Amino acid sequence: GLADADLPGQHDAAAWPALREKLA
């Protein structure tokens, strides 16, 4: 359900912690 979400790029390592929290 995140296809239309405005997310940082997949390989933007700086964004990984925040994206992890979202997935968790």
PDB file of all heavy atoms in Angstrom:
ATOM      1  N   GLY A   1       0.772  -1.239   0.000  1.00  0.00           N
ATOM      2  CA  GLY A   1       0.000   0.000   0.000  1.00  0.00           C
ATOM      3  C   GLY A   1       0.798   1.281   0.000  1.00  0.00           C
ATOM      4  O   GLY A   1       0.268   2.346   0.339  1.00  0.00           O
ATOM      5  N   LEU A   2       2.064   1.222  -0.391  1.00  0.00           N
ATOM      6  CA  LEU A   2       2.895   2.425  -0.402  1.00  0.00           C
ATOM      7  C   LEU A   2       3.282   2.864  -1.806  1.00  0.00           C
ATOM      8  O   LEU A   2       4.186   3.685  -1.988  1.00  0.00           O
ATOM      9  CB  LEU A   2       4.172   2.195   0.420  1.00  0.00           C
ATOM     10  CG  LEU A   2       4.008   2.053   1.929  1.00  0.00           C
ATOM     11  CD1 LEU A   2       5.357   1.802   2.586  1.00  0.00           C
ATOM     12  CD2 LEU A   2       3.347   3.292   2.521  1.00  0.00           C
ATOM     13  N   ALA A   3       2.610   2.352  -2.804  1.00  0.00           N
ATOM     14  CA  ALA A   3       2.987   2.666  -4.185  1.00  0.00           C
ATOM     15  C   ALA A   3       2.893   4.166  -4.469  1.00  0.00           C
ATOM     16  O   ALA A   3       3.719   4.723  -5.206  1.00  0.00           O
ATOM     17  CB  ALA A   3       2.090   1.897  -5.153  1.00  0.00           C
ATOM     18  N   ASP A   4       1.903   4.837  -3.895  1.00  0.00           N
ATOM     19  CA  ASP A   4       1.702   6.257  -4.177  1.00  0.00           C
ATOM     20  C   ASP A   4       2.275   7.152  -3.083  1.00  0.00           C
ATOM     21  O   ASP A   4       2.068   8.382  -3.119  1.00  0.00           O
ATOM     22  CB  ASP A   4       0.208   6.545  -4.348  1.00  0.00           C
ATOM     23  CG  ASP A   4      -0.393   5.785  -5.525  1.00  0.00           C
ATOM     24  OD1 ASP A   4       0.317   5.628  -6.530  1.00  0.00           O
ATOM     25  OD2 ASP A   4      -1.566   5.339  -5.414  1.00  0.00           O
ATOM     26  N   ALA A   5       2.972   6.572  -2.137  1.00  0.00           N
ATOM     27  CA  ALA A   5       3.541   7.377  -1.056  1.00  0.00           C
ATOM     28  C   ALA A   5       4.749   8.154  -1.574  1.00  0.00           C
ATOM     29  O   ALA A   5       5.490   7.694  -2.433  1.00  0.00           O
ATOM     30  CB  ALA A   5       3.955   6.482   0.106  1.00  0.00           C
ATOM     31  N   ASP A   6       4.922   9.338  -1.040  1.00  0.00           N
ATOM     32  CA  ASP A   6       6.066  10.178  -1.438  1.00  0.00           C
ATOM     33  C   ASP A   6       7.262   9.784  -0.577  1.00  0.00           C
ATOM     34  O   ASP A   6       7.509  10.374   0.480  1.00  0.00           O
ATOM     35  CB  ASP A   6       5.709  11.651  -1.259  1.00  0.00           C
ATOM     36  CG  ASP A   6       6.816  12.571  -1.764  1.00  0.00           C
ATOM     37  OD1 ASP A   6       7.682  12.077  -2.522  1.00  0.00           O
ATOM     38  OD2 ASP A   6       6.807  13.753  -1.392  1.00  0.00           O
ATOM     39  N   LEU A   7       7.983   8.771  -1.030  1.00  0.00           N
ATOM     40  CA  LEU A   7       9.088   8.211  -0.241  1.00  0.00           C
ATOM     41  C   LEU A   7      10.435   8.616  -0.825  1.00  0.00           C
ATOM     42  O   LEU A   7      10.554   8.851  -2.038  1.00  0.00           O
ATOM     43  CB  LEU A   7       9.001   6.679  -0.226  1.00  0.00           C
ATOM     44  CG  LEU A   7       7.734   6.051   0.352  1.00  0.00           C
ATOM     45  CD1 LEU A   7       7.810   4.533   0.230  1.00  0.00           C
ATOM     46  CD2 LEU A   7       7.537   6.473   1.798  1.00  0.00           C
ATOM     47  N   PRO A   8      11.458   8.692   0.003  1.00  0.00           N
ATOM     48  CA  PRO A   8      12.810   8.903  -0.514  1.00  0.00           C
ATOM     49  C   PRO A   8      13.214   7.739  -1.409  1.00  0.00           C
ATOM     50  O   PRO A   8      12.584   6.676  -1.408  1.00  0.00           O
ATOM     51  CB  PRO A   8      13.670   8.953   0.759  1.00  0.00           C
ATOM     52  CG  PRO A   8      12.722   9.250   1.867  1.00  0.00           C
ATOM     53  CD  PRO A   8      11.423   8.619   1.472  1.00  0.00           C
ATOM     54  N   GLY A   9      14.277   7.910  -2.167  1.00  0.00           N
ATOM     55  CA  GLY A   9      14.759   6.857  -3.039  1.00  0.00           C
ATOM     56  C   GLY A   9      15.171   5.613  -2.274  1.00  0.00           C
ATOM     57  O   GLY A   9      15.622   5.696  -1.121  1.00  0.00           O
ATOM     58  N   GLN A  10      15.027   4.473  -2.915  1.00  0.00           N
ATOM     59  CA  GLN A  10      15.325   3.197  -2.264  1.00  0.00           C
ATOM     60  C   GLN A  10      16.736   3.153  -1.701  1.00  0.00           C
ATOM     61  O   GLN A  10      16.962   2.620  -0.614  1.00  0.00           O
ATOM     62  CB  GLN A  10      15.126   2.048  -3.258  1.00  0.00           C
ATOM     63  CG  GLN A  10      15.488   0.677  -2.692  1.00  0.00           C
ATOM     64  CD  GLN A  10      15.380  -0.427  -3.722  1.00  0.00           C
ATOM     65  OE1 GLN A  10      15.046  -0.174  -4.881  1.00  0.00           O
ATOM     66  NE2 GLN A  10      15.657  -1.660  -3.327  1.00  0.00           N
ATOM     67  N   HIS A  11      17.708   3.685  -2.422  1.00  0.00           N
ATOM     68  CA  HIS A  11      19.109   3.570  -2.017  1.00  0.00           C
ATOM     69  C   HIS A  11      19.650   4.842  -1.366  1.00  0.00           C
ATOM     70  O   HIS A  11      20.869   5.029  -1.286  1.00  0.00           O
ATOM     71  CB  HIS A  11      19.953   3.170  -3.228  1.00  0.00           C
ATOM     72  CG  HIS A  11      19.645   1.795  -3.724  1.00  0.00           C
ATOM     73  ND1 HIS A  11      20.082   0.655  -3.098  1.00  0.00           N
ATOM     74  CD2 HIS A  11      18.894   1.374  -4.782  1.00  0.00           C
ATOM     75  CE1 HIS A  11      19.639  -0.418  -3.742  1.00  0.00           C
ATOM     76  NE2 HIS A  11      18.919  -0.009  -4.770  1.00  0.00           N
ATOM     77  N   ASP A  12      18.755   5.662  -0.871  1.00  0.00           N
ATOM     78  CA  ASP A  12      19.148   6.840  -0.096  1.00  0.00           C
ATOM     79  C   ASP A  12      19.407   6.389   1.338  1.00  0.00           C
ATOM     80  O   ASP A  12      18.501   6.308   2.164  1.00  0.00           O
ATOM     81  CB  ASP A  12      18.034   7.892  -0.144  1.00  0.00           C
ATOM     82  CG  ASP A  12      18.379   9.149   0.643  1.00  0.00           C
ATOM     83  OD1 ASP A  12      19.466   9.207   1.244  1.00  0.00           O
ATOM     84  OD2 ASP A  12      17.535  10.078   0.651  1.00  0.00           O
ATOM     85  N   ALA A  13      20.664   6.063   1.616  1.00  0.00           N
ATOM     86  CA  ALA A  13      21.006   5.464   2.911  1.00  0.00           C
ATOM     87  C   ALA A  13      20.634   6.356   4.083  1.00  0.00           C
ATOM     88  O   ALA A  13      20.322   5.862   5.180  1.00  0.00           O
ATOM     89  CB  ALA A  13      22.501   5.127   2.947  1.00  0.00           C
ATOM     90  N   ALA A  14      20.665   7.653   3.885  1.00  0.00           N
ATOM     91  CA  ALA A  14      20.322   8.564   4.977  1.00  0.00           C
ATOM     92  C   ALA A  14      18.860   8.418   5.382  1.00  0.00           C
ATOM     93  O   ALA A  14      18.487   8.711   6.526  1.00  0.00           O
ATOM     94  CB  ALA A  14      20.612  10.007   4.562  1.00  0.00           C
ATOM     95  N   ALA A  15      18.042   7.949   4.456  1.00  0.00           N
ATOM     96  CA  ALA A  15      16.608   7.809   4.741  1.00  0.00           C
ATOM     97  C   ALA A  15      16.247   6.424   5.265  1.00  0.00           C
ATOM     98  O   ALA A  15      15.094   6.194   5.664  1.00  0.00           O
ATOM     99  CB  ALA A  15      15.799   8.103   3.472  1.00  0.00           C
ATOM    100  N   TRP A  16      17.185   5.503   5.265  1.00  0.00           N
ATOM    101  CA  TRP A  16      16.879   4.128   5.664  1.00  0.00           C
ATOM    102  C   TRP A  16      16.283   4.016   7.070  1.00  0.00           C
ATOM    103  O   TRP A  16      15.308   3.282   7.266  1.00  0.00           O
ATOM    104  CB  TRP A  16      18.126   3.257   5.544  1.00  0.00           C
ATOM    105  CG  TRP A  16      18.482   2.909   4.122  1.00  0.00           C
ATOM    106  CD1 TRP A  16      17.746   3.185   3.006  1.00  0.00           C
ATOM    107  CD2 TRP A  16      19.655   2.226   3.673  1.00  0.00           C
ATOM    108  NE1 TRP A  16      18.392   2.715   1.882  1.00  0.00           N
ATOM    109  CE2 TRP A  16      19.565   2.113   2.261  1.00  0.00           C
ATOM    110  CE3 TRP A  16      20.768   1.697   4.308  1.00  0.00           C
ATOM    111  CZ2 TRP A  16      20.547   1.506   1.504  1.00  0.00           C
ATOM    112  CZ3 TRP A  16      21.761   1.088   3.553  1.00  0.00           C
ATOM    113  CH2 TRP A  16      21.644   0.987   2.157  1.00  0.00           C
ATOM    114  N   PRO A  17      16.829   4.713   8.085  1.00  0.00           N
ATOM    115  CA  PRO A  17      16.234   4.572   9.432  1.00  0.00           C
ATOM    116  C   PRO A  17      14.761   4.979   9.474  1.00  0.00           C
ATOM    117  O   PRO A  17      13.936   4.292  10.088  1.00  0.00           O
ATOM    118  CB  PRO A  17      17.101   5.495  10.284  1.00  0.00           C
ATOM    119  CG  PRO A  17      18.428   5.528   9.581  1.00  0.00           C
ATOM    120  CD  PRO A  17      18.077   5.512   8.124  1.00  0.00           C
ATOM    121  N   ALA A  18      14.410   6.066   8.828  1.00  0.00           N
ATOM    122  CA  ALA A  18      13.017   6.507   8.844  1.00  0.00           C
ATOM    123  C   ALA A  18      12.119   5.539   8.073  1.00  0.00           C
ATOM    124  O   ALA A  18      10.987   5.246   8.499  1.00  0.00           O
ATOM    125  CB  ALA A  18      12.915   7.910   8.242  1.00  0.00           C
ATOM    126  N   LEU A  19      12.615   5.054   6.946  1.00  0.00           N
ATOM    127  CA  LEU A  19      11.845   4.087   6.166  1.00  0.00           C
ATOM    128  C   LEU A  19      11.675   2.781   6.926  1.00  0.00           C
ATOM    129  O   LEU A  19      10.628   2.130   6.832  1.00  0.00           O
ATOM    130  CB  LEU A  19      12.532   3.847   4.824  1.00  0.00           C
ATOM    131  CG  LEU A  19      12.468   5.023   3.842  1.00  0.00           C
ATOM    132  CD1 LEU A  19      13.392   4.774   2.651  1.00  0.00           C
ATOM    133  CD2 LEU A  19      11.035   5.250   3.372  1.00  0.00           C
ATOM    134  N   ARG A  20      12.684   2.410   7.708  1.00  0.00           N
ATOM    135  CA  ARG A  20      12.572   1.201   8.532  1.00  0.00           C
ATOM    136  C   ARG A  20      11.450   1.354   9.548  1.00  0.00           C
ATOM    137  O   ARG A  20      10.666   0.425   9.770  1.00  0.00           O
ATOM    138  CB  ARG A  20      13.900   0.914   9.244  1.00  0.00           C
ATOM    139  CG  ARG A  20      13.825  -0.260  10.225  1.00  0.00           C
ATOM    140  CD  ARG A  20      15.110  -0.388  11.020  1.00  0.00           C
ATOM    141  NE  ARG A  20      16.231  -0.488  10.097  1.00  0.00           N
ATOM    142  CZ  ARG A  20      16.560  -1.603   9.442  1.00  0.00           C
ATOM    143  NH1 ARG A  20      15.838  -2.686   9.609  1.00  0.00           N
ATOM    144  NH2 ARG A  20      17.597  -1.619   8.635  1.00  0.00           N
ATOM    145  N   GLU A  21      11.375   2.502  10.186  1.00  0.00           N
ATOM    146  CA  GLU A  21      10.319   2.731  11.169  1.00  0.00           C
ATOM    147  C   GLU A  21       8.941   2.651  10.515  1.00  0.00           C
ATOM    148  O   GLU A  21       7.989   2.110  11.086  1.00  0.00           O
ATOM    149  CB  GLU A  21      10.513   4.090  11.837  1.00  0.00           C
ATOM    150  CG  GLU A  21      11.699   4.143  12.783  1.00  0.00           C
ATOM    151  CD  GLU A  21      11.600   3.129  13.907  1.00  0.00           C
ATOM    152  OE1 GLU A  21      10.494   2.974  14.478  1.00  0.00           O
ATOM    153  OE2 GLU A  21      12.615   2.453  14.191  1.00  0.00           O
ATOM    154  N   LYS A  22       8.834   3.180   9.312  1.00  0.00           N
ATOM    155  CA  LYS A  22       7.556   3.139   8.601  1.00  0.00           C
ATOM    156  C   LYS A  22       7.158   1.691   8.300  1.00  0.00           C
ATOM    157  O   LYS A  22       6.008   1.281   8.523  1.00  0.00           O
ATOM    158  CB  LYS A  22       7.645   3.943   7.310  1.00  0.00           C
ATOM    159  CG  LYS A  22       6.351   3.985   6.497  1.00  0.00           C
ATOM    160  CD  LYS A  22       6.504   4.819   5.253  1.00  0.00           C
ATOM    161  CE  LYS A  22       6.546   6.291   5.571  1.00  0.00           C
ATOM    162  NZ  LYS A  22       5.217   6.804   6.059  1.00  0.00           N
ATOM    163  N   LEU A  23       8.125   0.900   7.801  1.00  0.00           N
ATOM    164  CA  LEU A  23       7.824  -0.499   7.498  1.00  0.00           C
ATOM    165  C   LEU A  23       7.528  -1.282   8.772  1.00  0.00           C
ATOM    166  O   LEU A  23       6.635  -2.138   8.794  1.00  0.00           O
ATOM    167  CB  LEU A  23       8.997  -1.141   6.754  1.00  0.00           C
ATOM    168  CG  LEU A  23       9.252  -0.662   5.327  1.00  0.00           C
ATOM    169  CD1 LEU A  23      10.378  -1.468   4.693  1.00  0.00           C
ATOM    170  CD2 LEU A  23       7.995  -0.760   4.477  1.00  0.00           C
ATOM    171  N   ALA A  24       8.274  -1.007   9.841  1.00  0.00           N
ATOM    172  CA  ALA A  24       8.045  -1.722  11.102  1.00  0.00           C
ATOM    173  C   ALA A  24       6.614  -1.502  11.592  1.00  0.00           C
ATOM    174  O   ALA A  24       5.951  -2.436  12.065  1.00  0.00           O
ATOM    175  CB  ALA A  24       9.050  -1.262  12.155  1.00  0.00           C
TER     176      ALA A  24
END
